[in-house]
Amino acid sequence: MSKNENILEVNDLATSNAGEVIVPSRLADATLHFMEQHDSETPRIEENEEKRLKRKLFFFIYCLVFAINLLLYMDKAILSYDAILGFFEDTGLTQNTYNTVNTLFYVGYAVGQFPGQFLAQRLPLRSLLTILLATWTCIVFLHCTAYNFSGVAALRFFLGLTESIVMPILINTMSMFFDSTERAAAQPFFFVTCMGAPIPTGFIAYGVLHIKNANIELWRIFTIIIGGLTFIMTIVVALMFPNNPTSAKFFSVKERVWVIRRVQSTTGSSIEQKVFKTHQFKEAIHDYITWLFFLFFVLQQLANNLPYQQNLLFEGMGGVDALGSTLVSVAGAGFSAVAALIASLSMLKWANISTFTALFWNLPPLIGSISAVSLPWHNKIGILANICMAGQVFGIPFIIALSWSSSSTSGYTKRFTRSSISLLGYAIGNIISPQIWREKDAPRFFPAWIVQIILSFGLAPCILIFIWWKLRGRNQQRLLSMDQTLKRLSEKYELSNDRTDEFKNGSNANVVSNLAVLDLTDLENESFLYPL
């Protein structure tokens, strides 16, 4: 074998005398060897067994990634709560330098995307995630030593660098274990962690504010508590996090086979692939859908500093003290959690409504933003309510779009690449976002609100509509010739029909499963239908 066999192009695939494409096992799905050993001896899943399997999936996988993502956002929001616990006074930060360190977090986040993507595809996910969490824990604890702007800036940059690939790993883990319908429905409530993080964080901060005669500063106590929780999660990940379904300790061999079957048959995509495929990387770069998602995230995330500014906005309004702003944040997060649950339930009940769900939940922040800048300054209650409405649920469109950017493509390297480009857009939007909240514009911050209204809540949703229109057109074209396409692909790749797939009706179901093993992209596999 060549030393470059780990990076192979499509042109390197062999062709038999009969014209079939022969795919080397290294280029196939990482679960192929496991399935060759256990697939034939595993019976079809019965209805009651599938119900039990779903419960186990949600209890083990969903709860694990949910908890990791919750801590991710709790750690990210440390400065927002430290700011009302005396952090500014002890480190000399101002509104402008606070914005700068928030920007530096996302500079690190952007820098880490593509190196992180490469490492995530080459290394076992459990080992990589454990290293990231251990590093992330150390950085959180080091926040306690910060005493000036330079120290805080360095810590935030490296925290962003460390956290940059965690979310793609979690999204990819969800795609390994859940079928397409479950994943689309679960994502909004999974990402309630980013909107609901102020609930546990706010209560912790509220408790810390009641500590009297402490020997160290309150913000340091708060940071130590959050860092301790992250340390505990590091141990849990090291012991329990699966690399893919074949290594999930809490499932039997039979259950692992069932998980792989149902995911491959309903998504038509590979589960995991440890070979970085250059041609898939290039295809992701050249596919304009990738860049439409990128543009959406840049524009939409211009509003993402609003939740972090919220506590400071409340204090700047007067009449809302640190305790009050903390409780308002908790209440707002509770509202966003309920909204995310409603979005999840609606997407579970009705298929292919992701775009329209995202558009619907874009309305509250749009209305809230317009109202927040339109109401007279003396109407503090009205402004407070609209700030809460604007800042709490715009995460739902972000969540749906992030999941959609991954599920609307196939091919492991291409999917990871698109996720990384999407999160690069997310990082760029967040690099810019703190800078639009200028100290000189206080207390109303009209320029920041105008940017959010026009770009984040106006133009960004239009991009989602355009993506929906283009992908819907591709689906219509593919459905017209689906039988011929599957026959052609079956002959080209010499797909077998030795197993009836129990998770999908129709004679073509096993062809789709076999194509999934080949790790083709959505443009190579013309039978792939885009979720809408």
Protein backbone atom coordinates (compact mmCIF):
# COMPACT_ATOMS: atom_id res chain seq x y z
CA MET A 1 0.00 0.00 0.00
CA SER A 2 1.11 3.55 -0.67
CA LYS A 3 1.90 5.77 2.28
CA ASN A 4 -0.80 8.08 0.92
CA GLU A 5 -3.53 5.43 1.04
CA ASN A 6 -5.24 7.28 3.89
CA ILE A 7 -6.13 10.13 1.52
CA LEU A 8 -7.67 8.65 -1.62
CA GLU A 9 -9.61 10.26 -4.41
CA VAL A 10 -12.66 8.79 -6.15
CA ASN A 11 -10.45 8.19 -9.21
CA ASP A 12 -8.32 5.77 -7.14
CA LEU A 13 -11.24 3.32 -6.81
CA ALA A 14 -10.81 0.10 -8.75
CA THR A 15 -13.20 -1.08 -11.46
CA SER A 16 -14.00 -4.71 -12.21
CA ASN A 17 -14.17 -6.20 -15.70
CA ALA A 18 -17.95 -5.99 -15.49
CA GLY A 19 -17.78 -2.27 -14.86
CA GLU A 20 -18.67 -2.30 -11.15
CA VAL A 21 -16.85 0.10 -8.83
CA ILE A 22 -14.84 -1.75 -6.18
CA VAL A 23 -14.56 0.30 -2.99
CA PRO A 24 -11.59 -0.52 -0.68
CA SER A 25 -12.76 -1.36 2.85
CA ARG A 26 -10.74 1.58 4.24
CA LEU A 27 -13.00 3.93 2.27
CA ALA A 28 -16.22 2.30 3.45
CA ASP A 29 -18.19 2.99 6.63
CA ALA A 30 -16.21 2.32 9.82
CA THR A 31 -18.97 -0.04 10.96
CA LEU A 32 -18.48 -2.36 7.95
CA HIS A 33 -16.20 -4.88 9.71
CA PHE A 34 -18.51 -5.06 12.73
CA MET A 35 -21.56 -5.63 10.50
CA GLU A 36 -19.78 -8.33 8.50
CA GLN A 37 -19.25 -10.19 11.76
CA HIS A 38 -22.66 -9.74 13.37
CA ASP A 39 -25.28 -8.66 10.81
CA SER A 40 -26.18 -12.10 9.48
CA GLU A 41 -26.65 -13.58 12.95
CA THR A 42 -28.84 -10.72 14.22
CA PRO A 43 -32.62 -11.16 13.73
CA ARG A 44 -35.05 -8.51 12.67
CA ILE A 45 -36.07 -6.13 15.39
CA GLU A 46 -39.60 -6.50 16.76
CA GLU A 47 -41.84 -3.54 17.53
CA ASN A 48 -41.52 -3.85 21.32
CA GLU A 49 -37.74 -4.24 20.99
CA GLU A 50 -37.50 -1.10 18.88
CA LYS A 51 -39.45 0.88 21.47
CA ARG A 52 -37.07 -0.33 24.17
CA LEU A 53 -34.08 0.52 21.95
CA LYS A 54 -35.36 4.06 21.43
CA ARG A 55 -35.73 4.54 25.19
CA LYS A 56 -32.16 3.39 25.73
CA LEU A 57 -30.90 5.69 22.97
CA PHE A 58 -32.55 8.71 24.52
CA PHE A 59 -31.55 7.79 28.06
CA PHE A 60 -27.87 7.10 27.36
CA ILE A 61 -26.87 8.97 24.19
CA TYR A 62 -29.26 11.91 24.27
CA CYS A 63 -28.79 12.63 27.97
CA LEU A 64 -25.00 12.37 27.67
CA VAL A 65 -24.63 14.82 24.79
CA PHE A 66 -27.30 17.03 26.38
CA ALA A 67 -25.26 17.30 29.60
CA ILE A 68 -21.99 17.99 27.74
CA ASN A 69 -23.57 20.74 25.66
CA LEU A 70 -25.18 22.26 28.76
CA LEU A 71 -21.77 22.59 30.41
CA LEU A 72 -20.34 23.97 27.18
CA TYR A 73 -22.74 26.90 27.36
CA MET A 74 -22.46 27.29 31.12
CA ASP A 75 -18.69 27.66 30.74
CA LYS A 76 -19.09 30.04 27.82
CA ALA A 77 -21.37 32.29 29.90
CA ILE A 78 -19.01 32.53 32.90
CA LEU A 79 -18.00 36.12 32.15
CA SER A 80 -21.60 37.24 31.78
CA TYR A 81 -22.30 36.19 35.40
CA ASP A 82 -18.86 37.09 36.73
CA ALA A 83 -19.61 40.61 35.49
CA ILE A 84 -22.36 41.01 38.11
CA LEU A 85 -20.23 39.33 40.79
CA GLY A 86 -17.40 41.89 40.81
CA PHE A 87 -15.22 40.58 37.96
CA PHE A 88 -15.02 43.96 36.18
CA GLU A 89 -13.73 45.72 39.30
CA ASP A 90 -11.06 43.09 40.03
CA THR A 91 -9.73 42.80 36.47
CA GLY A 92 -10.21 46.38 35.27
CA LEU A 93 -12.53 45.42 32.40
CA THR A 94 -14.87 47.97 30.85
CA GLN A 95 -17.82 47.50 28.50
CA ASN A 96 -15.49 47.82 25.49
CA THR A 97 -12.77 45.48 26.79
CA TYR A 98 -15.48 43.00 27.85
CA ASN A 99 -16.68 43.01 24.24
CA THR A 100 -13.10 42.48 23.07
CA VAL A 101 -12.54 39.38 25.21
CA ASN A 102 -15.85 37.96 23.99
CA THR A 103 -14.62 38.55 20.44
CA LEU A 104 -11.34 36.78 21.19
CA PHE A 105 -13.26 33.72 22.37
CA TYR A 106 -14.74 33.39 18.89
CA VAL A 107 -11.42 34.12 17.20
CA GLY A 108 -10.14 31.00 18.95
CA TYR A 109 -13.35 29.20 17.99
CA ALA A 110 -12.81 30.07 14.31
CA VAL A 111 -9.12 29.13 14.33
CA GLY A 112 -9.89 25.71 15.79
CA GLN A 113 -12.53 24.61 13.26
CA PHE A 114 -10.53 22.96 10.49
CA PRO A 115 -7.66 21.50 12.58
CA GLY A 116 -10.35 20.19 14.92
CA GLN A 117 -12.32 18.69 12.04
CA PHE A 118 -9.24 16.81 10.83
CA LEU A 119 -8.45 15.50 14.33
CA ALA A 120 -12.08 14.47 14.90
CA GLN A 121 -12.03 12.38 11.74
CA ARG A 122 -8.68 10.73 12.45
CA LEU A 123 -8.83 10.12 16.23
CA PRO A 124 -11.27 8.10 18.37
CA LEU A 125 -13.98 10.52 19.46
CA ARG A 126 -13.94 9.46 23.11
CA SER A 127 -10.19 10.07 23.45
CA LEU A 128 -10.35 13.41 21.65
CA LEU A 129 -13.36 14.64 23.60
CA THR A 130 -11.77 13.61 26.91
CA ILE A 131 -8.60 15.58 26.09
CA LEU A 132 -10.66 18.60 25.05
CA LEU A 133 -12.77 18.51 28.22
CA ALA A 134 -9.71 18.12 30.46
CA THR A 135 -8.04 21.11 28.79
CA TRP A 136 -11.26 23.08 28.92
CA THR A 137 -11.59 22.33 32.68
CA CYS A 138 -8.07 23.62 33.35
CA ILE A 139 -8.76 26.84 31.44
CA VAL A 140 -11.99 27.44 33.39
CA PHE A 141 -10.12 27.06 36.70
CA LEU A 142 -7.36 29.39 35.43
CA HIS A 143 -10.00 32.14 35.11
CA CYS A 144 -9.72 32.40 38.91
CA THR A 145 -6.13 33.67 38.51
CA ALA A 146 -7.01 36.48 36.08
CA TYR A 147 -6.32 39.99 37.31
CA ASN A 148 -6.01 42.11 34.13
CA PHE A 149 -7.26 42.41 30.57
CA SER A 150 -4.32 40.51 29.01
CA GLY A 151 -4.86 37.46 31.16
CA VAL A 152 -8.60 37.37 30.53
CA ALA A 153 -8.05 37.82 26.78
CA ALA A 154 -5.62 34.90 26.59
CA LEU A 155 -7.91 32.62 28.59
CA ARG A 156 -10.95 33.40 26.47
CA PHE A 157 -9.01 32.80 23.22
CA PHE A 158 -7.82 29.37 24.36
CA LEU A 159 -11.24 28.46 25.78
CA GLY A 160 -12.75 29.18 22.36
CA LEU A 161 -10.00 27.18 20.65
CA THR A 162 -10.64 24.20 22.94
CA GLU A 163 -14.44 24.28 22.62
CA SER A 164 -14.47 24.82 18.84
CA ILE A 165 -14.82 21.19 17.79
CA VAL A 166 -16.95 19.96 20.70
CA MET A 167 -20.27 20.89 19.11
CA PRO A 168 -19.50 19.20 15.74
CA ILE A 169 -18.55 16.05 17.67
CA LEU A 170 -21.85 16.12 19.58
CA ILE A 171 -23.90 16.75 16.42
CA ASN A 172 -22.07 13.95 14.64
CA THR A 173 -22.67 11.61 17.58
CA MET A 174 -26.40 12.30 17.35
CA SER A 175 -26.31 11.43 13.63
CA MET A 176 -24.61 8.08 14.42
CA PHE A 177 -27.34 6.85 16.76
CA PHE A 178 -30.65 8.45 15.71
CA ASP A 179 -32.59 8.12 12.47
CA SER A 180 -33.38 11.19 10.37
CA THR A 181 -36.83 11.91 11.88
CA GLU A 182 -35.66 11.48 15.47
CA ARG A 183 -32.60 13.65 14.89
CA ALA A 184 -34.57 16.51 13.34
CA ALA A 185 -37.07 16.44 16.17
CA ALA A 186 -34.51 16.01 18.94
CA GLN A 187 -32.15 18.80 17.89
CA PRO A 188 -34.22 21.77 19.12
CA PHE A 189 -34.67 20.28 22.58
CA PHE A 190 -31.06 19.07 22.60
CA PHE A 191 -29.99 22.63 22.00
CA VAL A 192 -32.25 23.89 24.75
CA THR A 193 -28.95 23.57 26.59
CA CYS A 194 -27.65 26.71 24.90
CA MET A 195 -30.82 28.66 25.63
CA GLY A 196 -31.59 26.97 28.94
CA ALA A 197 -28.05 27.17 30.33
CA PRO A 198 -28.97 30.36 32.26
CA ILE A 199 -31.37 28.30 34.42
CA PRO A 200 -28.77 26.27 36.35
CA THR A 201 -26.12 28.95 35.88
CA GLY A 202 -28.47 31.66 37.11
CA PHE A 203 -29.48 29.70 40.20
CA ILE A 204 -25.82 29.01 41.01
CA ALA A 205 -25.04 32.72 40.64
CA TYR A 206 -28.10 33.59 42.73
CA GLY A 207 -26.86 31.31 45.50
CA VAL A 208 -23.34 32.72 45.32
CA LEU A 209 -24.72 36.26 45.65
CA HIS A 210 -26.14 35.26 49.04
CA ILE A 211 -22.75 34.19 50.43
CA LYS A 212 -21.75 36.56 53.23
CA ASN A 213 -18.23 37.31 54.51
CA ALA A 214 -16.53 35.07 51.92
CA ASN A 215 -12.74 34.78 52.09
CA ILE A 216 -12.41 35.05 48.30
CA GLU A 217 -14.27 37.07 45.69
CA LEU A 218 -17.73 35.84 44.75
CA TRP A 219 -16.91 35.56 41.05
CA ARG A 220 -14.04 33.19 41.88
CA ILE A 221 -16.40 31.00 43.93
CA PHE A 222 -18.81 30.91 40.99
CA THR A 223 -16.03 29.99 38.55
CA ILE A 224 -14.74 27.19 40.81
CA ILE A 225 -18.23 25.66 40.99
CA ILE A 226 -18.63 25.67 37.20
CA GLY A 227 -15.11 24.30 36.73
CA GLY A 228 -15.84 21.49 39.21
CA LEU A 229 -18.91 20.43 37.25
CA THR A 230 -16.85 20.36 34.05
CA PHE A 231 -14.21 18.20 35.76
CA ILE A 232 -16.88 15.66 36.76
CA MET A 233 -18.14 15.56 33.17
CA THR A 234 -14.59 14.89 31.94
CA ILE A 235 -14.49 11.71 34.03
CA VAL A 236 -17.93 10.64 32.75
CA VAL A 237 -16.85 11.15 29.11
CA ALA A 238 -13.61 9.21 29.63
CA LEU A 239 -15.59 6.24 30.97
CA MET A 240 -18.78 6.27 28.89
CA PHE A 241 -18.64 8.25 25.64
CA PRO A 242 -18.88 5.96 22.56
CA ASN A 243 -16.69 6.37 19.48
CA ASN A 244 -19.57 5.05 17.34
CA PRO A 245 -22.40 2.50 17.78
CA THR A 246 -19.97 -0.44 17.60
CA SER A 247 -18.25 0.69 20.83
CA ALA A 248 -21.32 1.73 22.83
CA LYS A 249 -20.81 -0.21 26.07
CA PHE A 250 -24.37 0.24 27.27
CA PHE A 251 -25.84 -1.61 24.24
CA SER A 252 -25.66 -5.33 23.51
CA VAL A 253 -24.13 -6.52 20.22
CA LYS A 254 -27.63 -7.15 18.88
CA GLU A 255 -28.74 -3.63 19.80
CA ARG A 256 -25.66 -2.11 18.14
CA VAL A 257 -26.53 -3.90 14.89
CA TRP A 258 -30.09 -2.59 15.09
CA VAL A 259 -28.87 0.97 15.68
CA ILE A 260 -26.62 0.79 12.61
CA ARG A 261 -29.33 -0.74 10.42
CA ARG A 262 -31.97 1.85 11.28
CA VAL A 263 -29.62 4.83 10.85
CA GLN A 264 -28.24 3.68 7.50
CA SER A 265 -31.63 2.72 6.08
CA THR A 266 -33.36 5.99 7.01
CA THR A 267 -30.56 8.46 6.23
CA GLY A 268 -28.74 6.80 3.33
CA SER A 269 -25.50 8.10 4.88
CA SER A 270 -22.46 6.47 6.44
CA ILE A 271 -22.16 6.43 10.22
CA GLU A 272 -18.43 7.04 10.63
CA GLN A 273 -15.39 7.15 8.38
CA LYS A 274 -11.81 7.56 9.67
CA VAL A 275 -10.24 8.29 6.28
CA PHE A 276 -10.10 11.97 5.31
CA LYS A 277 -11.40 12.05 1.72
CA THR A 278 -9.95 14.98 -0.17
CA HIS A 279 -12.53 14.83 -2.95
CA GLN A 280 -15.36 15.13 -0.40
CA PHE A 281 -13.63 18.11 1.20
CA LYS A 282 -13.38 19.79 -2.22
CA GLU A 283 -17.00 18.97 -3.02
CA ALA A 284 -18.13 20.61 0.22
CA ILE A 285 -16.11 23.72 -0.65
CA HIS A 286 -17.55 23.91 -4.18
CA ASP A 287 -21.17 23.20 -3.19
CA TYR A 288 -22.88 26.60 -2.99
CA ILE A 289 -25.37 25.26 -0.41
CA THR A 290 -22.44 25.11 2.02
CA TRP A 291 -21.79 28.83 1.59
CA LEU A 292 -25.46 29.75 1.87
CA PHE A 293 -25.49 28.11 5.30
CA PHE A 294 -22.23 29.91 6.11
CA LEU A 295 -23.79 33.27 5.20
CA PHE A 296 -26.89 32.51 7.27
CA PHE A 297 -24.81 31.82 10.38
CA VAL A 298 -22.68 34.96 9.93
CA LEU A 299 -25.77 37.17 9.69
CA GLN A 300 -27.91 35.42 12.28
CA GLN A 301 -25.17 35.32 14.88
CA LEU A 302 -24.70 39.09 14.77
CA ALA A 303 -27.48 38.98 17.38
CA ASN A 304 -25.84 36.35 19.57
CA ASN A 305 -24.19 38.82 21.93
CA LEU A 306 -27.64 39.95 23.08
CA PRO A 307 -28.02 37.17 25.71
CA TYR A 308 -24.56 38.01 27.10
CA GLN A 309 -25.37 41.74 27.13
CA GLN A 310 -28.75 41.11 28.73
CA ASN A 311 -27.63 41.30 32.37
CA LEU A 312 -25.71 44.51 31.67
CA LEU A 313 -28.69 45.98 29.81
CA PHE A 314 -30.95 45.27 32.78
CA GLU A 315 -28.55 46.99 35.18
CA GLY A 316 -28.15 49.93 32.79
CA MET A 317 -31.91 50.47 32.76
CA GLY A 318 -31.93 51.18 36.48
CA GLY A 319 -34.23 49.56 39.01
CA VAL A 320 -32.92 46.07 38.22
CA ASP A 321 -30.12 44.96 40.55
CA ALA A 322 -27.77 41.98 40.21
CA LEU A 323 -30.17 39.60 41.97
CA GLY A 324 -33.10 40.81 39.89
CA SER A 325 -31.24 40.52 36.57
CA THR A 326 -30.19 36.97 37.47
CA LEU A 327 -33.79 35.94 38.19
CA VAL A 328 -35.02 37.58 34.98
CA SER A 329 -32.39 35.60 33.06
CA VAL A 330 -33.58 32.37 34.66
CA ALA A 331 -37.21 33.15 33.78
CA GLY A 332 -36.25 33.99 30.19
CA ALA A 333 -34.28 30.76 29.88
CA GLY A 334 -37.30 28.83 31.16
CA PHE A 335 -39.42 30.40 28.43
CA SER A 336 -36.84 29.45 25.78
CA ALA A 337 -36.76 25.86 27.07
CA VAL A 338 -40.54 25.58 26.71
CA ALA A 339 -40.34 27.10 23.21
CA ALA A 340 -37.66 24.57 22.21
CA LEU A 341 -39.82 21.72 23.52
CA ILE A 342 -42.77 22.96 21.45
CA ALA A 343 -40.51 23.15 18.36
CA SER A 344 -39.24 19.60 18.96
CA LEU A 345 -42.74 18.15 19.42
CA SER A 346 -44.05 19.85 16.29
CA MET A 347 -41.12 18.54 14.20
CA LEU A 348 -41.65 15.05 15.64
CA LYS A 349 -45.31 15.11 14.66
CA TRP A 350 -44.91 16.58 11.15
CA ALA A 351 -42.08 15.68 8.79
CA ASN A 352 -40.08 18.16 6.69
CA ILE A 353 -41.16 21.33 8.47
CA SER A 354 -37.69 22.36 9.71
CA THR A 355 -37.54 25.53 7.60
CA PHE A 356 -41.01 26.72 8.54
CA THR A 357 -40.39 25.97 12.22
CA ALA A 358 -37.24 28.09 12.05
CA LEU A 359 -39.14 30.93 10.35
CA PHE A 360 -41.91 30.84 12.94
CA TRP A 361 -39.49 31.12 15.87
CA ASN A 362 -37.72 33.98 14.15
CA LEU A 363 -40.83 36.13 14.65
CA PRO A 364 -40.58 36.69 18.45
CA PRO A 365 -37.02 38.12 18.31
CA LEU A 366 -37.94 40.26 15.30
CA ILE A 367 -41.01 41.69 17.05
CA GLY A 368 -39.18 42.02 20.38
CA SER A 369 -36.26 43.89 18.80
CA ILE A 370 -38.48 46.32 16.95
CA SER A 371 -40.50 46.97 20.10
CA ALA A 372 -37.40 47.37 22.30
CA VAL A 373 -36.12 50.26 20.19
CA SER A 374 -39.55 51.78 19.55
CA LEU A 375 -40.87 52.05 23.12
CA PRO A 376 -40.13 55.26 25.05
CA TRP A 377 -37.29 54.99 27.60
CA HIS A 378 -39.60 55.57 30.57
CA ASN A 379 -41.54 52.38 29.72
CA LYS A 380 -38.95 50.19 31.47
CA ILE A 381 -41.24 47.20 31.99
CA GLY A 382 -42.15 47.10 28.30
CA ILE A 383 -38.52 47.38 27.22
CA LEU A 384 -37.49 44.70 29.71
CA ALA A 385 -40.15 42.30 28.40
CA ASN A 386 -39.16 42.87 24.77
CA ILE A 387 -35.44 42.44 25.49
CA CYS A 388 -36.31 39.08 27.02
CA MET A 389 -38.44 38.13 24.01
CA ALA A 390 -35.72 39.19 21.58
CA GLY A 391 -32.88 37.46 23.38
CA GLN A 392 -34.33 34.08 24.28
CA VAL A 393 -35.72 32.16 21.30
CA PHE A 394 -33.67 33.26 18.30
CA GLY A 395 -31.47 30.27 19.17
CA ILE A 396 -34.16 27.92 17.83
CA PRO A 397 -33.64 28.94 14.16
CA PHE A 398 -29.88 28.64 14.74
CA ILE A 399 -30.30 25.14 16.17
CA ILE A 400 -32.53 23.96 13.34
CA ALA A 401 -30.24 25.42 10.67
CA LEU A 402 -27.13 23.89 12.24
CA SER A 403 -28.73 20.44 12.27
CA TRP A 404 -30.07 20.96 8.75
CA SER A 405 -26.66 22.00 7.39
CA SER A 406 -25.32 18.62 8.51
CA SER A 407 -28.30 16.41 7.60
CA SER A 408 -28.66 17.98 4.13
CA THR A 409 -25.42 16.43 2.95
CA SER A 410 -23.90 12.97 2.84
CA GLY A 411 -20.37 11.62 2.96
CA TYR A 412 -18.57 11.71 6.31
CA THR A 413 -15.79 14.12 5.31
CA LYS A 414 -18.19 16.38 3.44
CA ARG A 415 -20.61 16.43 6.36
CA PHE A 416 -17.86 17.30 8.83
CA THR A 417 -16.50 19.95 6.46
CA ARG A 418 -19.87 21.62 6.04
CA SER A 419 -20.43 21.59 9.80
CA SER A 420 -17.03 23.21 10.30
CA ILE A 421 -17.73 25.89 7.68
CA SER A 422 -21.13 26.55 9.26
CA LEU A 423 -19.51 26.97 12.67
CA LEU A 424 -16.82 29.15 11.12
CA GLY A 425 -19.66 31.43 10.00
CA TYR A 426 -21.09 31.20 13.52
CA ALA A 427 -17.70 32.23 14.93
CA ILE A 428 -17.28 35.15 12.50
CA GLY A 429 -20.75 36.44 13.37
CA ASN A 430 -19.84 36.25 17.04
CA ILE A 431 -16.48 37.97 16.47
CA ILE A 432 -18.37 40.92 15.02
CA SER A 433 -21.36 40.79 17.38
CA PRO A 434 -19.75 42.20 20.57
CA GLN A 435 -18.27 45.10 18.63
CA ILE A 436 -21.67 46.49 17.64
CA TRP A 437 -22.47 47.04 21.34
CA ARG A 438 -20.40 50.19 21.80
CA GLU A 439 -20.17 51.91 25.16
CA LYS A 440 -20.90 55.29 23.60
CA ASP A 441 -24.31 54.03 22.37
CA ALA A 442 -25.53 53.20 25.90
CA PRO A 443 -28.15 52.90 27.27
CA ARG A 444 -30.36 52.29 24.20
CA PHE A 445 -27.72 50.88 21.80
CA PHE A 446 -29.78 51.80 18.74
CA PRO A 447 -27.10 50.87 16.12
CA ALA A 448 -26.79 47.35 17.56
CA TRP A 449 -30.55 46.81 17.51
CA ILE A 450 -30.82 48.07 13.91
CA VAL A 451 -28.11 45.66 12.73
CA GLN A 452 -29.92 42.77 14.41
CA ILE A 453 -33.34 43.69 13.03
CA ILE A 454 -32.18 44.05 9.41
CA LEU A 455 -29.50 41.36 9.08
CA SER A 456 -30.12 38.77 11.81
CA PHE A 457 -33.92 38.69 11.90
CA GLY A 458 -34.66 40.00 8.40
CA LEU A 459 -32.13 38.84 5.79
CA ALA A 460 -30.91 35.62 7.46
CA PRO A 461 -34.35 33.89 7.39
CA CYS A 462 -34.63 34.73 3.68
CA ILE A 463 -31.47 32.68 3.09
CA LEU A 464 -33.13 29.65 4.74
CA ILE A 465 -36.13 30.05 2.42
CA PHE A 466 -33.80 30.10 -0.60
CA ILE A 467 -31.97 26.95 0.58
CA TRP A 468 -35.32 25.20 1.11
CA TRP A 469 -36.41 26.16 -2.42
CA LYS A 470 -33.19 24.84 -4.02
CA LEU A 471 -33.15 21.55 -2.09
CA ARG A 472 -36.84 20.98 -2.71
CA GLY A 473 -36.11 21.36 -6.45
CA ARG A 474 -33.32 18.77 -6.24
CA ASN A 475 -35.66 16.33 -4.46
CA GLN A 476 -38.36 16.73 -7.12
CA GLN A 477 -35.87 15.98 -9.90
CA ARG A 478 -34.49 12.91 -8.09
CA LEU A 479 -37.91 11.47 -7.29
CA LEU A 480 -38.86 11.52 -10.97
CA SER A 481 -36.11 9.02 -11.81
CA MET A 482 -35.57 7.27 -8.46
CA ASP A 483 -36.09 3.68 -9.69
CA GLN A 484 -33.66 4.11 -12.58
CA THR A 485 -31.15 5.84 -10.31
CA LEU A 486 -31.20 3.04 -7.73
CA LYS A 487 -30.86 0.42 -10.44
CA ARG A 488 -27.88 2.23 -11.97
CA LEU A 489 -26.17 2.70 -8.60
CA SER A 490 -26.86 -0.93 -7.65
CA GLU A 491 -25.18 -2.16 -10.83
CA LYS A 492 -22.30 0.31 -10.57
CA TYR A 493 -21.37 -0.64 -7.01
CA GLU A 494 -22.57 -4.29 -7.27
CA LEU A 495 -24.86 -3.93 -4.26
CA SER A 496 -26.30 -7.09 -2.73
CA ASN A 497 -29.90 -7.78 -1.87
CA ASP A 498 -29.36 -10.54 0.66
CA ARG A 499 -31.15 -8.89 3.56
CA THR A 500 -34.59 -7.37 3.85
CA ASP A 501 -34.41 -4.08 5.68
CA GLU A 502 -36.98 -3.90 8.45
CA PHE A 503 -36.80 -0.17 9.00
CA LYS A 504 -37.93 1.08 5.62
CA ASN A 505 -40.72 -0.07 3.36
CA GLY A 506 -40.20 -0.83 -0.30
CA SER A 507 -37.97 -3.06 -2.40
CA ASN A 508 -35.28 -0.40 -2.70
CA ALA A 509 -34.65 -0.11 1.04
CA ASN A 510 -31.66 -2.43 1.13
CA VAL A 511 -30.07 -0.66 -1.82
CA VAL A 512 -30.18 2.55 0.20
CA SER A 513 -28.58 0.78 3.19
CA ASN A 514 -25.81 -0.63 1.04
CA LEU A 515 -25.13 2.77 -0.49
CA ALA A 516 -24.78 4.17 3.02
CA VAL A 517 -21.91 1.76 3.68
CA LEU A 518 -20.04 3.20 0.66
CA ASP A 519 -19.90 6.69 2.24
CA LEU A 520 -20.97 8.54 -0.92
CA THR A 521 -21.74 12.25 -0.93
CA ASP A 522 -25.19 13.62 -1.66
CA LEU A 523 -24.04 14.61 -5.17
CA GLU A 524 -22.50 11.19 -5.87
CA ASN A 525 -25.54 9.33 -4.53
CA GLU A 526 -28.44 10.68 -6.57
CA SER A 527 -30.91 8.61 -4.54
CA PHE A 528 -30.19 10.81 -1.51
CA LEU A 529 -33.22 12.95 -0.64
CA TYR A 530 -32.66 16.19 1.24
CA PRO A 531 -34.57 16.75 4.49
CA LEU A 532 -36.58 19.94 4.40
